[in-house]
Amino acid sequence: MIITTVDEYEAATHRARQLADHPEGTPESTELAEIIAAITIWDAPHDDASAWND
């Protein structure tokens, strides 16, 4: 998963909240790990809200 827009970022954070309570070893926990990785990559260059030019 690669997040390229603010809308995708917002959708990813929403989905992460939905998946947060699933136990490890489930498909949902795998999806959550992938989403968290994508969010982390997105956050690095966008940690200042003024940098969001979408």
C-alpha atoms as a PDB file:
ATOM      1  CA  MET A   1       0.000   0.000   0.000  1.00  0.00           C
ATOM      2  CA  ILE A   2       1.256   3.441  -0.932  1.00  0.00           C
ATOM      3  CA  ILE A   3      -0.515   6.566   0.269  1.00  0.00           C
ATOM      4  CA  THR A   4      -0.306   9.385  -2.255  1.00  0.00           C
ATOM      5  CA  THR A   5      -3.006  11.860  -1.197  1.00  0.00           C
ATOM      6  CA  VAL A   6      -4.462  13.350   1.947  1.00  0.00           C
ATOM      7  CA  ASP A   7      -7.738  11.559   1.223  1.00  0.00           C
ATOM      8  CA  GLU A   8      -5.921   8.221   1.089  1.00  0.00           C
ATOM      9  CA  TYR A   9      -4.117   9.102   4.310  1.00  0.00           C
ATOM     10  CA  GLU A  10      -7.382   9.889   6.054  1.00  0.00           C
ATOM     11  CA  ALA A  11      -8.943   6.661   4.767  1.00  0.00           C
ATOM     12  CA  ALA A  12      -5.917   4.695   5.963  1.00  0.00           C
ATOM     13  CA  THR A  13      -6.026   6.187   9.454  1.00  0.00           C
ATOM     14  CA  HIS A  14      -9.753   5.462   9.628  1.00  0.00           C
ATOM     15  CA  ARG A  15      -9.190   1.860   8.545  1.00  0.00           C
ATOM     16  CA  ALA A  16      -6.350   1.480  11.048  1.00  0.00           C
ATOM     17  CA  ARG A  17      -8.712   2.498  13.844  1.00  0.00           C
ATOM     18  CA  GLN A  18     -11.197  -0.126  12.648  1.00  0.00           C
ATOM     19  CA  LEU A  19      -8.540  -2.836  12.712  1.00  0.00           C
ATOM     20  CA  ALA A  20      -6.849  -1.879  15.977  1.00  0.00           C
ATOM     21  CA  ASP A  21      -8.590  -4.436  18.184  1.00  0.00           C
ATOM     22  CA  HIS A  22      -7.987  -7.520  16.060  1.00  0.00           C
ATOM     23  CA  PRO A  23      -5.626 -10.097  17.556  1.00  0.00           C
ATOM     24  CA  GLU A  24      -2.205 -10.805  16.092  1.00  0.00           C
ATOM     25  CA  GLY A  25      -2.064 -13.551  13.523  1.00  0.00           C
ATOM     26  CA  THR A  26      -5.325 -12.598  11.841  1.00  0.00           C
ATOM     27  CA  PRO A  27      -5.652 -11.223   8.312  1.00  0.00           C
ATOM     28  CA  GLU A  28      -6.844  -7.982   9.893  1.00  0.00           C
ATOM     29  CA  SER A  29      -3.668  -7.636  11.938  1.00  0.00           C
ATOM     30  CA  THR A  30      -1.619  -8.174   8.793  1.00  0.00           C
ATOM     31  CA  GLU A  31      -3.632  -5.482   7.031  1.00  0.00           C
ATOM     32  CA  LEU A  32      -3.138  -3.180  10.016  1.00  0.00           C
ATOM     33  CA  ALA A  33       0.636  -3.670   9.904  1.00  0.00           C
ATOM     34  CA  GLU A  34       0.671  -2.791   6.205  1.00  0.00           C
ATOM     35  CA  ILE A  35      -1.447   0.301   6.800  1.00  0.00           C
ATOM     36  CA  ILE A  36       0.749   1.442   9.681  1.00  0.00           C
ATOM     37  CA  ALA A  37       3.833   1.071   7.493  1.00  0.00           C
ATOM     38  CA  ALA A  38       2.202   3.154   4.755  1.00  0.00           C
ATOM     39  CA  ILE A  39       1.079   5.798   7.255  1.00  0.00           C
ATOM     40  CA  THR A  40       4.592   5.981   8.692  1.00  0.00           C
ATOM     41  CA  ILE A  41       6.078   6.484   5.232  1.00  0.00           C
ATOM     42  CA  TRP A  42       3.495   9.179   4.455  1.00  0.00           C
ATOM     43  CA  ASP A  43       4.046  10.940   7.784  1.00  0.00           C
ATOM     44  CA  ALA A  44       7.787  11.418   7.322  1.00  0.00           C
ATOM     45  CA  PRO A  45       7.612  14.161   4.674  1.00  0.00           C
ATOM     46  CA  HIS A  46       4.154  15.386   5.706  1.00  0.00           C
ATOM     47  CA  ASP A  47       4.496  15.881   9.450  1.00  0.00           C
ATOM     48  CA  ASP A  48       3.833  19.592   8.951  1.00  0.00           C
ATOM     49  CA  ALA A  49       0.221  20.096   7.844  1.00  0.00           C
ATOM     50  CA  SER A  50       1.284  23.081   5.752  1.00  0.00           C
ATOM     51  CA  ALA A  51       3.262  20.679   3.541  1.00  0.00           C
ATOM     52  CA  TRP A  52       0.038  19.041   2.325  1.00  0.00           C
ATOM     53  CA  ASN A  53      -0.388  20.440  -1.146  1.00  0.00           C
ATOM     54  CA  ASP A  54      -2.983  18.001  -2.479  1.00  0.00           C
END
